[in-house]
């Protein structure tokens, strides 16, 4: 009987750190939501990065809202939303599904979904 109690005690000591580590990760700082499952996680992207404009949800090279020199090129092609003052192809306010094309490029490059643009 003593051997069985000792085995249970040792098993509990072995499992306790794992349980405590799991509880520790479940806690989140105030104002933050718990992490989503890996399959649904989106990337944390800075406002401006090397390749992606996190604020506007498109690659930097085509972000006419950040690079004003691109505006005339989009307007010449007839790709301009006058109502929202951005390229029509990047106007997610008129048609949210337009973001899917850019999101697919991001996901192909990084293996994660990008965050939704702020506006």
PDB file of N, CA and C in Angstrom:
ATOM      1  N   UNK A   1       0.822  -1.184   0.000  1.00  0.00           N
ATOM      2  CA  UNK A   1       0.000   0.000   0.000  1.00  0.00           C
ATOM      3  C   UNK A   1       0.869   1.251   0.000  1.00  0.00           C
ATOM      4  N   UNK A   2       1.976   1.216   0.723  1.00  0.00           N
ATOM      5  CA  UNK A   2       2.846   2.387   0.764  1.00  0.00           C
ATOM      6  C   UNK A   2       3.440   2.669  -0.617  1.00  0.00           C
ATOM      7  N   UNK A   3       3.791   1.628  -1.381  1.00  0.00           N
ATOM      8  CA  UNK A   3       4.367   1.790  -2.709  1.00  0.00           C
ATOM      9  C   UNK A   3       3.373   2.488  -3.635  1.00  0.00           C
ATOM     10  N   UNK A   4       2.106   2.141  -3.544  1.00  0.00           N
ATOM     11  CA  UNK A   4       1.079   2.745  -4.387  1.00  0.00           C
ATOM     12  C   UNK A   4       0.938   4.228  -4.062  1.00  0.00           C
ATOM     13  N   UNK A   5       0.941   4.599  -2.803  1.00  0.00           N
ATOM     14  CA  UNK A   5       0.838   6.005  -2.426  1.00  0.00           C
ATOM     15  C   UNK A   5       2.050   6.793  -2.937  1.00  0.00           C
ATOM     16  N   UNK A   6       3.214   6.186  -2.833  1.00  0.00           N
ATOM     17  CA  UNK A   6       4.438   6.835  -3.318  1.00  0.00           C
ATOM     18  C   UNK A   6       4.365   7.050  -4.828  1.00  0.00           C
ATOM     19  N   UNK A   7       3.872   6.071  -5.561  1.00  0.00           N
ATOM     20  CA  UNK A   7       3.742   6.175  -7.018  1.00  0.00           C
ATOM     21  C   UNK A   7       2.767   7.282  -7.386  1.00  0.00           C
ATOM     22  N   UNK A   8       1.674   7.376  -6.692  1.00  0.00           N
ATOM     23  CA  UNK A   8       0.691   8.435  -6.955  1.00  0.00           C
ATOM     24  C   UNK A   8       1.302   9.800  -6.684  1.00  0.00           C
ATOM     25  N   UNK A   9       2.060   9.897  -5.599  1.00  0.00           N
ATOM     26  CA  UNK A   9       2.697  11.162  -5.242  1.00  0.00           C
ATOM     27  C   UNK A   9       3.693  11.597  -6.311  1.00  0.00           C
ATOM     28  N   UNK A  10       4.523  10.679  -6.782  1.00  0.00           N
ATOM     29  CA  UNK A  10       5.515  10.975  -7.815  1.00  0.00           C
ATOM     30  C   UNK A  10       4.807  11.355  -9.117  1.00  0.00           C
ATOM     31  N   UNK A  11       3.751  10.650  -9.460  1.00  0.00           N
ATOM     32  CA  UNK A  11       2.989  10.961 -10.676  1.00  0.00           C
ATOM     33  C   UNK A  11       2.398  12.359 -10.599  1.00  0.00           C
ATOM     34  N   UNK A  12       1.882  12.702  -9.434  1.00  0.00           N
ATOM     35  CA  UNK A  12       1.307  14.036  -9.244  1.00  0.00           C
ATOM     36  C   UNK A  12       2.377  15.112  -9.387  1.00  0.00           C
ATOM     37  N   UNK A  13       3.552  14.864  -8.833  1.00  0.00           N
ATOM     38  CA  UNK A  13       4.652  15.823  -8.971  1.00  0.00           C
ATOM     39  C   UNK A  13       5.073  15.987 -10.431  1.00  0.00           C
ATOM     40  N   UNK A  14       5.014  14.912 -11.186  1.00  0.00           N
ATOM     41  CA  UNK A  14       5.416  14.965 -12.599  1.00  0.00           C
ATOM     42  C   UNK A  14       4.397  15.733 -13.438  1.00  0.00           C
ATOM     43  N   UNK A  15       3.129  15.612 -13.106  1.00  0.00           N
ATOM     44  CA  UNK A  15       2.057  16.227 -13.892  1.00  0.00           C
ATOM     45  C   UNK A  15       1.772  17.666 -13.446  1.00  0.00           C
ATOM     46  N   UNK A  16       2.023  17.999 -12.208  1.00  0.00           N
ATOM     47  CA  UNK A  16       1.695  19.323 -11.675  1.00  0.00           C
ATOM     48  C   UNK A  16       2.282  20.473 -12.487  1.00  0.00           C
ATOM     49  N   UNK A  17       3.565  20.440 -12.877  1.00  0.00           N
ATOM     50  CA  UNK A  17       4.100  21.550 -13.667  1.00  0.00           C
ATOM     51  C   UNK A  17       3.379  21.729 -15.001  1.00  0.00           C
ATOM     52  N   UNK A  18       2.968  20.635 -15.615  1.00  0.00           N
ATOM     53  CA  UNK A  18       2.243  20.721 -16.876  1.00  0.00           C
ATOM     54  C   UNK A  18       0.885  21.380 -16.686  1.00  0.00           C
ATOM     55  N   UNK A  19       0.217  21.015 -15.624  1.00  0.00           N
ATOM     56  CA  UNK A  19      -1.089  21.602 -15.325  1.00  0.00           C
ATOM     57  C   UNK A  19      -0.937  23.093 -15.040  1.00  0.00           C
ATOM     58  N   UNK A  20       0.050  23.430 -14.224  1.00  0.00           N
ATOM     59  CA  UNK A  20       0.267  24.832 -13.885  1.00  0.00           C
ATOM     60  C   UNK A  20       0.681  25.641 -15.106  1.00  0.00           C
ATOM     61  N   UNK A  21       1.482  25.079 -15.971  1.00  0.00           N
ATOM     62  CA  UNK A  21       1.902  25.781 -17.190  1.00  0.00           C
ATOM     63  C   UNK A  21       0.704  26.038 -18.079  1.00  0.00           C
ATOM     64  N   UNK A  22      -0.193  25.070 -18.171  1.00  0.00           N
ATOM     65  CA  UNK A  22      -1.402  25.252 -18.971  1.00  0.00           C
ATOM     66  C   UNK A  22      -2.284  26.341 -18.412  1.00  0.00           C
ATOM     67  N   UNK A  23      -2.417  26.399 -17.099  1.00  0.00           N
ATOM     68  CA  UNK A  23      -3.225  27.442 -16.473  1.00  0.00           C
ATOM     69  C   UNK A  23      -2.590  28.810 -16.666  1.00  0.00           C
ATOM     70  N   UNK A  24      -1.287  28.857 -16.606  1.00  0.00           N
ATOM     71  CA  UNK A  24      -0.569  30.121 -16.756  1.00  0.00           C
ATOM     72  C   UNK A  24      -0.793  30.712 -18.135  1.00  0.00           C
ATOM     73  N   UNK A  25      -0.785  29.877 -19.179  1.00  0.00           N
ATOM     74  CA  UNK A  25      -0.974  30.362 -20.536  1.00  0.00           C
ATOM     75  C   UNK A  25      -2.403  30.810 -20.783  1.00  0.00           C
ATOM     76  N   UNK A  26      -3.354  30.274 -20.043  1.00  0.00           N
ATOM     77  CA  UNK A  26      -4.751  30.650 -20.246  1.00  0.00           C
ATOM     78  C   UNK A  26      -5.021  32.070 -19.768  1.00  0.00           C
ATOM     79  N   UNK A  27      -4.202  32.563 -18.870  1.00  0.00           N
ATOM     80  CA  UNK A  27      -4.389  33.912 -18.373  1.00  0.00           C
ATOM     81  C   UNK A  27      -3.901  34.903 -19.420  1.00  0.00           C
ATOM     82  N   UNK A  28      -4.648  35.983 -19.591  1.00  0.00           N
ATOM     83  CA  UNK A  28      -4.258  36.998 -20.560  1.00  0.00           C
ATOM     84  C   UNK A  28      -4.194  38.347 -19.874  1.00  0.00           C
ATOM     85  N   UNK A  29      -3.365  39.248 -20.378  1.00  0.00           N
ATOM     86  CA  UNK A  29      -3.321  40.585 -19.808  1.00  0.00           C
ATOM     87  C   UNK A  29      -4.670  41.269 -19.950  1.00  0.00           C
ATOM     88  N   UNK A  30      -4.923  42.223 -19.093  1.00  0.00           N
ATOM     89  CA  UNK A  30      -6.193  42.947 -19.124  1.00  0.00           C
ATOM     90  C   UNK A  30      -6.415  43.556 -20.487  1.00  0.00           C
ATOM     91  N   UNK A  31      -7.648  43.402 -20.987  1.00  0.00           N
ATOM     92  CA  UNK A  31      -8.000  44.005 -22.253  1.00  0.00           C
ATOM     93  C   UNK A  31      -7.630  43.189 -23.472  1.00  0.00           C
ATOM     94  N   UNK A  32      -6.998  42.048 -23.292  1.00  0.00           N
ATOM     95  CA  UNK A  32      -6.617  41.219 -24.434  1.00  0.00           C
ATOM     96  C   UNK A  32      -7.441  39.947 -24.413  1.00  0.00           C
ATOM     97  N   UNK A  33      -7.824  39.478 -25.584  1.00  0.00           N
ATOM     98  CA  UNK A  33      -8.579  38.241 -25.661  1.00  0.00           C
ATOM     99  C   UNK A  33      -7.616  37.066 -25.720  1.00  0.00           C
ATOM    100  N   UNK A  34      -8.062  35.895 -25.276  1.00  0.00           N
ATOM    101  CA  UNK A  34      -7.195  34.728 -25.340  1.00  0.00           C
ATOM    102  C   UNK A  34      -6.864  34.400 -26.785  1.00  0.00           C
ATOM    103  N   UNK A  35      -5.737  33.738 -26.986  1.00  0.00           N
ATOM    104  CA  UNK A  35      -5.299  33.398 -28.339  1.00  0.00           C
ATOM    105  C   UNK A  35      -6.279  32.427 -28.972  1.00  0.00           C
ATOM    106  N   UNK A  36      -6.491  32.585 -30.257  1.00  0.00           N
ATOM    107  CA  UNK A  36      -7.362  31.696 -31.003  1.00  0.00           C
ATOM    108  C   UNK A  36      -6.603  30.415 -31.321  1.00  0.00           C
ATOM    109  N   UNK A  37      -7.328  29.446 -31.835  1.00  0.00           N
ATOM    110  CA  UNK A  37      -6.657  28.214 -32.220  1.00  0.00           C
ATOM    111  C   UNK A  37      -5.704  28.504 -33.370  1.00  0.00           C
ATOM    112  N   UNK A  38      -4.615  27.735 -33.500  1.00  0.00           N
ATOM    113  CA  UNK A  38      -3.621  28.006 -34.541  1.00  0.00           C
ATOM    114  C   UNK A  38      -4.217  28.081 -35.937  1.00  0.00           C
ATOM    115  N   UNK A  39      -5.238  27.287 -36.227  1.00  0.00           N
ATOM    116  CA  UNK A  39      -5.819  27.292 -37.567  1.00  0.00           C
ATOM    117  C   UNK A  39      -6.509  28.610 -37.881  1.00  0.00           C
ATOM    118  N   UNK A  40      -7.027  29.288 -36.853  1.00  0.00           N
ATOM    119  CA  UNK A  40      -7.747  30.529 -37.110  1.00  0.00           C
ATOM    120  C   UNK A  40      -6.936  31.767 -36.745  1.00  0.00           C
ATOM    121  N   UNK A  41      -5.682  31.594 -36.347  1.00  0.00           N
ATOM    122  CA  UNK A  41      -4.866  32.732 -35.950  1.00  0.00           C
ATOM    123  C   UNK A  41      -4.563  33.623 -37.131  1.00  0.00           C
ATOM    124  N   UNK A  42      -4.556  34.907 -36.869  1.00  0.00           N
ATOM    125  CA  UNK A  42      -4.117  35.850 -37.878  1.00  0.00           C
ATOM    126  C   UNK A  42      -2.790  36.423 -37.432  1.00  0.00           C
ATOM    127  N   UNK A  43      -2.065  36.902 -38.374  1.00  0.00           N
ATOM    128  CA  UNK A  43      -0.751  37.455 -38.081  1.00  0.00           C
ATOM    129  C   UNK A  43      -0.884  38.795 -37.385  1.00  0.00           C
ATOM    130  N   UNK A  44       0.079  39.112 -36.562  1.00  0.00           N
ATOM    131  CA  UNK A  44       0.175  40.433 -35.963  1.00  0.00           C
ATOM    132  C   UNK A  44       1.095  41.233 -36.865  1.00  0.00           C
ATOM    133  N   UNK A  45       0.534  42.177 -37.578  1.00  0.00           N
ATOM    134  CA  UNK A  45       1.292  42.904 -38.581  1.00  0.00           C
ATOM    135  C   UNK A  45       1.425  44.357 -38.154  1.00  0.00           C
ATOM    136  N   UNK A  46       2.628  44.898 -38.214  1.00  0.00           N
ATOM    137  CA  UNK A  46       2.780  46.318 -37.912  1.00  0.00           C
ATOM    138  C   UNK A  46       2.073  47.152 -38.972  1.00  0.00           C
ATOM    139  N   UNK A  47       1.792  48.385 -38.650  1.00  0.00           N
ATOM    140  CA  UNK A  47       1.118  49.292 -39.582  1.00  0.00           C
ATOM    141  C   UNK A  47       1.824  49.287 -40.942  1.00  0.00           C
ATOM    142  N   UNK A  48       3.124  49.387 -40.932  1.00  0.00           N
ATOM    143  CA  UNK A  48       3.910  49.330 -42.174  1.00  0.00           C
ATOM    144  C   UNK A  48       5.061  48.376 -41.961  1.00  0.00           C
ATOM    145  N   UNK A  49       5.230  47.484 -42.906  1.00  0.00           N
ATOM    146  CA  UNK A  49       6.298  46.511 -42.798  1.00  0.00           C
ATOM    147  C   UNK A  49       7.125  46.492 -44.059  1.00  0.00           C
ATOM    148  N   UNK A  50       7.831  45.422 -44.226  1.00  0.00           N
ATOM    149  CA  UNK A  50       8.682  45.282 -45.398  1.00  0.00           C
ATOM    150  C   UNK A  50       7.855  45.074 -46.659  1.00  0.00           C
ATOM    151  N   UNK A  51       6.767  44.337 -46.546  1.00  0.00           N
ATOM    152  CA  UNK A  51       6.019  43.952 -47.727  1.00  0.00           C
ATOM    153  C   UNK A  51       4.542  44.301 -47.631  1.00  0.00           C
ATOM    154  N   UNK A  52       3.984  44.332 -46.428  1.00  0.00           N
ATOM    155  CA  UNK A  52       2.544  44.437 -46.243  1.00  0.00           C
ATOM    156  C   UNK A  52       2.172  45.699 -45.480  1.00  0.00           C
ATOM    157  N   UNK A  53       1.160  46.394 -45.953  1.00  0.00           N
ATOM    158  CA  UNK A  53       0.622  47.547 -45.234  1.00  0.00           C
ATOM    159  C   UNK A  53      -0.490  47.028 -44.330  1.00  0.00           C
ATOM    160  N   UNK A  54      -0.185  46.864 -43.055  1.00  0.00           N
ATOM    161  CA  UNK A  54      -1.147  46.319 -42.105  1.00  0.00           C
ATOM    162  C   UNK A  54      -2.351  47.218 -41.885  1.00  0.00           C
ATOM    163  N   UNK A  55      -2.177  48.501 -42.040  1.00  0.00           N
ATOM    164  CA  UNK A  55      -3.286  49.434 -41.840  1.00  0.00           C
ATOM    165  C   UNK A  55      -4.321  49.397 -42.941  1.00  0.00           C
ATOM    166  N   UNK A  56      -3.882  49.064 -44.169  1.00  0.00           N
ATOM    167  CA  UNK A  56      -4.788  49.114 -45.306  1.00  0.00           C
ATOM    168  C   UNK A  56      -5.032  47.758 -45.957  1.00  0.00           C
ATOM    169  N   UNK A  57      -4.310  46.724 -45.542  1.00  0.00           N
ATOM    170  CA  UNK A  57      -4.595  45.362 -45.981  1.00  0.00           C
ATOM    171  C   UNK A  57      -4.173  45.017 -47.395  1.00  0.00           C
ATOM    172  N   UNK A  58      -3.125  45.661 -47.880  1.00  0.00           N
ATOM    173  CA  UNK A  58      -2.608  45.375 -49.225  1.00  0.00           C
ATOM    174  C   UNK A  58      -1.085  45.391 -49.182  1.00  0.00           C
ATOM    175  N   UNK A  59      -0.426  44.825 -50.209  1.00  0.00           N
ATOM    176  CA  UNK A  59       1.029  44.947 -50.255  1.00  0.00           C
ATOM    177  C   UNK A  59       1.439  46.421 -50.358  1.00  0.00           C
ATOM    178  N   UNK A  60       2.536  46.763 -49.720  1.00  0.00           N
ATOM    179  CA  UNK A  60       3.018  48.159 -49.717  1.00  0.00           C
ATOM    180  C   UNK A  60       3.168  48.717 -51.130  1.00  0.00           C
ATOM    181  N   UNK A  61       3.618  47.875 -52.059  1.00  0.00           N
ATOM    182  CA  UNK A  61       3.903  48.352 -53.411  1.00  0.00           C
ATOM    183  C   UNK A  61       2.676  48.853 -54.162  1.00  0.00           C
ATOM    184  N   UNK A  62       1.477  48.479 -53.705  1.00  0.00           N
ATOM    185  CA  UNK A  62       0.253  48.933 -54.366  1.00  0.00           C
ATOM    186  C   UNK A  62      -0.638  49.768 -53.451  1.00  0.00           C
ATOM    187  N   UNK A  63      -0.133  50.150 -52.298  1.00  0.00           N
ATOM    188  CA  UNK A  63      -0.947  50.913 -51.350  1.00  0.00           C
ATOM    189  C   UNK A  63      -0.947  52.393 -51.727  1.00  0.00           C
ATOM    190  N   UNK A  64      -1.965  52.780 -52.468  1.00  0.00           N
ATOM    191  CA  UNK A  64      -2.085  54.168 -52.924  1.00  0.00           C
ATOM    192  C   UNK A  64      -2.481  55.106 -51.791  1.00  0.00           C
ATOM    193  N   UNK A  65      -2.928  54.573 -50.705  1.00  0.00           N
ATOM    194  CA  UNK A  65      -3.294  55.416 -49.577  1.00  0.00           C
ATOM    195  C   UNK A  65      -2.065  55.844 -48.795  1.00  0.00           C
ATOM    196  N   UNK A  66      -0.998  55.048 -48.891  1.00  0.00           N
ATOM    197  CA  UNK A  66       0.267  55.409 -48.246  1.00  0.00           C
ATOM    198  C   UNK A  66       1.218  56.082 -49.238  1.00  0.00           C
ATOM    199  N   UNK A  67       1.235  55.563 -50.457  1.00  0.00           N
ATOM    200  CA  UNK A  67       2.120  56.097 -51.490  1.00  0.00           C
ATOM    201  C   UNK A  67       1.272  56.888 -52.486  1.00  0.00           C
ATOM    202  N   UNK A  68       1.152  58.175 -52.249  1.00  0.00           N
ATOM    203  CA  UNK A  68       0.288  59.040 -53.062  1.00  0.00           C
ATOM    204  C   UNK A  68       0.732  59.125 -54.520  1.00  0.00           C
ATOM    205  N   UNK A  69       1.970  58.729 -54.810  1.00  0.00           N
ATOM    206  CA  UNK A  69       2.427  58.749 -56.202  1.00  0.00           C
ATOM    207  C   UNK A  69       1.701  57.692 -57.039  1.00  0.00           C
ATOM    208  N   UNK A  70       1.041  56.730 -56.415  1.00  0.00           N
ATOM    209  CA  UNK A  70       0.309  55.688 -57.136  1.00  0.00           C
ATOM    210  C   UNK A  70      -1.110  56.104 -57.518  1.00  0.00           C
ATOM    211  N   UNK A  71      -1.622  57.156 -56.906  1.00  0.00           N
ATOM    212  CA  UNK A  71      -3.010  57.569 -57.103  1.00  0.00           C
ATOM    213  C   UNK A  71      -3.315  57.803 -58.576  1.00  0.00           C
ATOM    214  N   UNK A  72      -2.502  58.578 -59.261  1.00  0.00           N
ATOM    215  CA  UNK A  72      -2.759  58.887 -60.665  1.00  0.00           C
ATOM    216  C   UNK A  72      -2.771  57.633 -61.530  1.00  0.00           C
ATOM    217  N   UNK A  73      -1.924  56.669 -61.233  1.00  0.00           N
ATOM    218  CA  UNK A  73      -1.884  55.420 -62.005  1.00  0.00           C
ATOM    219  C   UNK A  73      -3.200  54.664 -61.868  1.00  0.00           C
ATOM    220  N   UNK A  74      -3.728  54.594 -60.663  1.00  0.00           N
ATOM    221  CA  UNK A  74      -5.008  53.915 -60.460  1.00  0.00           C
ATOM    222  C   UNK A  74      -6.139  54.677 -61.143  1.00  0.00           C
ATOM    223  N   UNK A  75      -6.125  56.001 -61.038  1.00  0.00           N
ATOM    224  CA  UNK A  75      -7.174  56.810 -61.668  1.00  0.00           C
ATOM    225  C   UNK A  75      -7.134  56.688 -63.183  1.00  0.00           C
ATOM    226  N   UNK A  76      -5.931  56.644 -63.776  1.00  0.00           N
ATOM    227  CA  UNK A  76      -5.789  56.497 -65.230  1.00  0.00           C
ATOM    228  C   UNK A  76      -6.373  55.175 -65.716  1.00  0.00           C
ATOM    229  N   UNK A  77      -6.264  54.141 -64.898  1.00  0.00           N
ATOM    230  CA  UNK A  77      -6.811  52.834 -65.251  1.00  0.00           C
ATOM    231  C   UNK A  77      -8.317  52.759 -64.975  1.00  0.00           C
ATOM    232  N   UNK A  78      -8.886  53.807 -64.389  1.00  0.00           N
ATOM    233  CA  UNK A  78     -10.307  53.789 -64.033  1.00  0.00           C
ATOM    234  C   UNK A  78     -10.581  52.973 -62.786  1.00  0.00           C
ATOM    235  N   UNK A  79      -9.562  52.755 -61.993  1.00  0.00           N
ATOM    236  CA  UNK A  79      -9.669  51.966 -60.766  1.00  0.00           C
ATOM    237  C   UNK A  79      -9.639  52.929 -59.572  1.00  0.00           C
ATOM    238  N   UNK A  80     -10.754  53.645 -59.387  1.00  0.00           N
ATOM    239  CA  UNK A  80     -10.784  54.604 -58.283  1.00  0.00           C
ATOM    240  C   UNK A  80     -12.185  54.711 -57.701  1.00  0.00           C
ATOM    241  N   UNK A  81     -12.295  54.618 -56.397  1.00  0.00           N
ATOM    242  CA  UNK A  81     -13.552  54.798 -55.675  1.00  0.00           C
ATOM    243  C   UNK A  81     -13.580  56.242 -55.171  1.00  0.00           C
ATOM    244  N   UNK A  82     -14.389  57.070 -55.810  1.00  0.00           N
ATOM    245  CA  UNK A  82     -14.463  58.485 -55.424  1.00  0.00           C
ATOM    246  C   UNK A  82     -15.072  58.649 -54.032  1.00  0.00           C
ATOM    247  N   UNK A  83     -16.027  57.792 -53.726  1.00  0.00           N
ATOM    248  CA  UNK A  83     -16.717  57.892 -52.434  1.00  0.00           C
ATOM    249  C   UNK A  83     -15.767  57.693 -51.256  1.00  0.00           C
ATOM    250  N   UNK A  84     -14.814  56.744 -51.387  1.00  0.00           N
ATOM    251  CA  UNK A  84     -13.925  56.420 -50.271  1.00  0.00           C
ATOM    252  C   UNK A  84     -12.473  56.831 -50.510  1.00  0.00           C
ATOM    253  N   UNK A  85     -12.210  57.467 -51.651  1.00  0.00           N
ATOM    254  CA  UNK A  85     -10.897  58.035 -51.973  1.00  0.00           C
ATOM    255  C   UNK A  85      -9.771  57.010 -51.867  1.00  0.00           C
ATOM    256  N   UNK A  86      -9.923  55.940 -52.650  1.00  0.00           N
ATOM    257  CA  UNK A  86      -8.931  54.859 -52.708  1.00  0.00           C
ATOM    258  C   UNK A  86      -9.171  54.066 -53.987  1.00  0.00           C
ATOM    259  N   UNK A  87      -8.221  53.224 -54.378  1.00  0.00           N
ATOM    260  CA  UNK A  87      -8.467  52.395 -55.558  1.00  0.00           C
ATOM    261  C   UNK A  87      -9.715  51.530 -55.365  1.00  0.00           C
ATOM    262  N   UNK A  88     -10.521  51.440 -56.392  1.00  0.00           N
ATOM    263  CA  UNK A  88     -11.739  50.619 -56.325  1.00  0.00           C
ATOM    264  C   UNK A  88     -11.378  49.171 -55.994  1.00  0.00           C
ATOM    265  N   UNK A  89     -10.289  48.669 -56.567  1.00  0.00           N
ATOM    266  CA  UNK A  89      -9.866  47.289 -56.316  1.00  0.00           C
ATOM    267  C   UNK A  89      -9.442  47.063 -54.866  1.00  0.00           C
ATOM    268  N   UNK A  90      -9.191  48.156 -54.139  1.00  0.00           N
ATOM    269  CA  UNK A  90      -8.799  48.070 -52.730  1.00  0.00           C
ATOM    270  C   UNK A  90      -9.859  48.658 -51.805  1.00  0.00           C
ATOM    271  N   UNK A  91     -11.037  48.926 -52.356  1.00  0.00           N
ATOM    272  CA  UNK A  91     -12.102  49.513 -51.529  1.00  0.00           C
ATOM    273  C   UNK A  91     -12.905  48.388 -50.883  1.00  0.00           C
ATOM    274  N   UNK A  92     -12.486  48.012 -49.714  1.00  0.00           N
ATOM    275  CA  UNK A  92     -13.143  46.942 -48.979  1.00  0.00           C
ATOM    276  C   UNK A  92     -14.427  47.446 -48.327  1.00  0.00           C
ATOM    277  N   UNK A  93     -14.638  48.758 -48.305  1.00  0.00           N
ATOM    278  CA  UNK A  93     -15.873  49.316 -47.770  1.00  0.00           C
ATOM    279  C   UNK A  93     -17.026  49.090 -48.747  1.00  0.00           C
ATOM    280  N   UNK A  94     -16.732  49.186 -50.044  1.00  0.00           N
ATOM    281  CA  UNK A  94     -17.761  48.929 -51.056  1.00  0.00           C
ATOM    282  C   UNK A  94     -18.012  47.434 -51.226  1.00  0.00           C
ATOM    283  N   UNK A  95     -16.970  46.646 -51.139  1.00  0.00           N
ATOM    284  CA  UNK A  95     -17.079  45.198 -51.327  1.00  0.00           C
ATOM    285  C   UNK A  95     -16.001  44.509 -50.494  1.00  0.00           C
ATOM    286  N   UNK A  96     -16.392  44.002 -49.347  1.00  0.00           N
ATOM    287  CA  UNK A  96     -15.441  43.371 -48.417  1.00  0.00           C
ATOM    288  C   UNK A  96     -14.746  42.163 -49.025  1.00  0.00           C
ATOM    289  N   UNK A  97     -15.356  41.516 -50.013  1.00  0.00           N
ATOM    290  CA  UNK A  97     -14.747  40.328 -50.615  1.00  0.00           C
ATOM    291  C   UNK A  97     -13.495  40.682 -51.422  1.00  0.00           C
ATOM    292  N   UNK A  98     -13.279  41.934 -51.747  1.00  0.00           N
ATOM    293  CA  UNK A  98     -12.064  42.346 -52.459  1.00  0.00           C
ATOM    294  C   UNK A  98     -10.819  42.083 -51.621  1.00  0.00           C
ATOM    295  N   UNK A  99     -10.975  42.086 -50.327  1.00  0.00           N
ATOM    296  CA  UNK A  99      -9.849  41.818 -49.434  1.00  0.00           C
ATOM    297  C   UNK A  99      -9.328  40.397 -49.607  1.00  0.00           C
ATOM    298  N   UNK A 100     -10.208  39.480 -49.994  1.00  0.00           N
ATOM    299  CA  UNK A 100      -9.830  38.061 -50.114  1.00  0.00           C
ATOM    300  C   UNK A 100      -8.653  37.859 -51.066  1.00  0.00           C
ATOM    301  N   UNK A 101      -8.614  38.605 -52.166  1.00  0.00           N
ATOM    302  CA  UNK A 101      -7.523  38.472 -53.145  1.00  0.00           C
ATOM    303  C   UNK A 101      -6.185  38.824 -52.501  1.00  0.00           C
ATOM    304  N   UNK A 102      -6.162  39.916 -51.743  1.00  0.00           N
ATOM    305  CA  UNK A 102      -4.922  40.341 -51.090  1.00  0.00           C
ATOM    306  C   UNK A 102      -4.577  39.412 -49.930  1.00  0.00           C
ATOM    307  N   UNK A 103      -5.596  38.982 -49.203  1.00  0.00           N
ATOM    308  CA  UNK A 103      -5.369  38.068 -48.076  1.00  0.00           C
ATOM    309  C   UNK A 103      -4.765  36.754 -48.562  1.00  0.00           C
ATOM    310  N   UNK A 104      -5.191  36.285 -49.722  1.00  0.00           N
ATOM    311  CA  UNK A 104      -4.655  35.040 -50.266  1.00  0.00           C
ATOM    312  C   UNK A 104      -3.166  35.188 -50.585  1.00  0.00           C
ATOM    313  N   UNK A 105      -2.767  36.338 -51.097  1.00  0.00           N
ATOM    314  CA  UNK A 105      -1.341  36.579 -51.372  1.00  0.00           C
ATOM    315  C   UNK A 105      -0.538  36.583 -50.069  1.00  0.00           C
ATOM    316  N   UNK A 106      -1.092  37.225 -49.034  1.00  0.00           N
ATOM    317  CA  UNK A 106      -0.414  37.277 -47.736  1.00  0.00           C
ATOM    318  C   UNK A 106      -0.282  35.869 -47.156  1.00  0.00           C
ATOM    319  N   UNK A 107      -1.379  35.125 -47.210  1.00  0.00           N
ATOM    320  CA  UNK A 107      -1.375  33.785 -46.623  1.00  0.00           C
ATOM    321  C   UNK A 107      -0.413  32.862 -47.365  1.00  0.00           C
ATOM    322  N   UNK A 108      -0.314  33.018 -48.686  1.00  0.00           N
ATOM    323  CA  UNK A 108       0.626  32.201 -49.459  1.00  0.00           C
ATOM    324  C   UNK A 108       2.065  32.504 -49.056  1.00  0.00           C
ATOM    325  N   UNK A 109       2.344  33.753 -48.723  1.00  0.00           N
ATOM    326  CA  UNK A 109       3.706  34.149 -48.368  1.00  0.00           C
ATOM    327  C   UNK A 109       4.063  33.781 -46.927  1.00  0.00           C
ATOM    328  N   UNK A 110       3.127  33.990 -45.992  1.00  0.00           N
ATOM    329  CA  UNK A 110       3.438  33.833 -44.574  1.00  0.00           C
ATOM    330  C   UNK A 110       2.775  32.633 -43.892  1.00  0.00           C
ATOM    331  N   UNK A 111       1.818  31.996 -44.544  1.00  0.00           N
ATOM    332  CA  UNK A 111       1.157  30.845 -43.945  1.00  0.00           C
ATOM    333  C   UNK A 111       0.150  31.196 -42.878  1.00  0.00           C
ATOM    334  N   UNK A 112      -0.206  32.460 -42.766  1.00  0.00           N
ATOM    335  CA  UNK A 112      -1.206  32.930 -41.805  1.00  0.00           C
ATOM    336  C   UNK A 112      -2.122  33.918 -42.506  1.00  0.00           C
ATOM    337  N   UNK A 113      -3.291  34.066 -41.953  1.00  0.00           N
ATOM    338  CA  UNK A 113      -4.217  35.066 -42.474  1.00  0.00           C
ATOM    339  C   UNK A 113      -3.797  36.442 -41.946  1.00  0.00           C
ATOM    340  N   UNK A 114      -3.891  37.472 -42.776  1.00  0.00           N
ATOM    341  CA  UNK A 114      -3.560  38.800 -42.291  1.00  0.00           C
ATOM    342  C   UNK A 114      -4.696  39.362 -41.450  1.00  0.00           C
ATOM    343  N   UNK A 115      -4.420  40.355 -40.629  1.00  0.00           N
ATOM    344  CA  UNK A 115      -5.503  40.991 -39.893  1.00  0.00           C
ATOM    345  C   UNK A 115      -6.356  41.796 -40.862  1.00  0.00           C
ATOM    346  N   UNK A 116      -7.605  42.001 -40.510  1.00  0.00           N
ATOM    347  CA  UNK A 116      -8.460  42.853 -41.325  1.00  0.00           C
ATOM    348  C   UNK A 116      -7.938  44.276 -41.258  1.00  0.00           C
ATOM    349  N   UNK A 117      -7.981  44.982 -42.379  1.00  0.00           N
ATOM    350  CA  UNK A 117      -7.528  46.366 -42.359  1.00  0.00           C
ATOM    351  C   UNK A 117      -8.417  47.225 -41.463  1.00  0.00           C
ATOM    352  N   UNK A 118      -7.840  48.294 -40.962  1.00  0.00           N
ATOM    353  CA  UNK A 118      -8.559  49.150 -40.016  1.00  0.00           C
ATOM    354  C   UNK A 118      -9.653  49.967 -40.688  1.00  0.00           C
ATOM    355  N   UNK A 119      -9.428  50.348 -41.931  1.00  0.00           N
ATOM    356  CA  UNK A 119     -10.440  51.143 -42.637  1.00  0.00           C
ATOM    357  C   UNK A 119     -10.295  51.050 -44.118  1.00  0.00           C
TER     358      UNK A 119
END
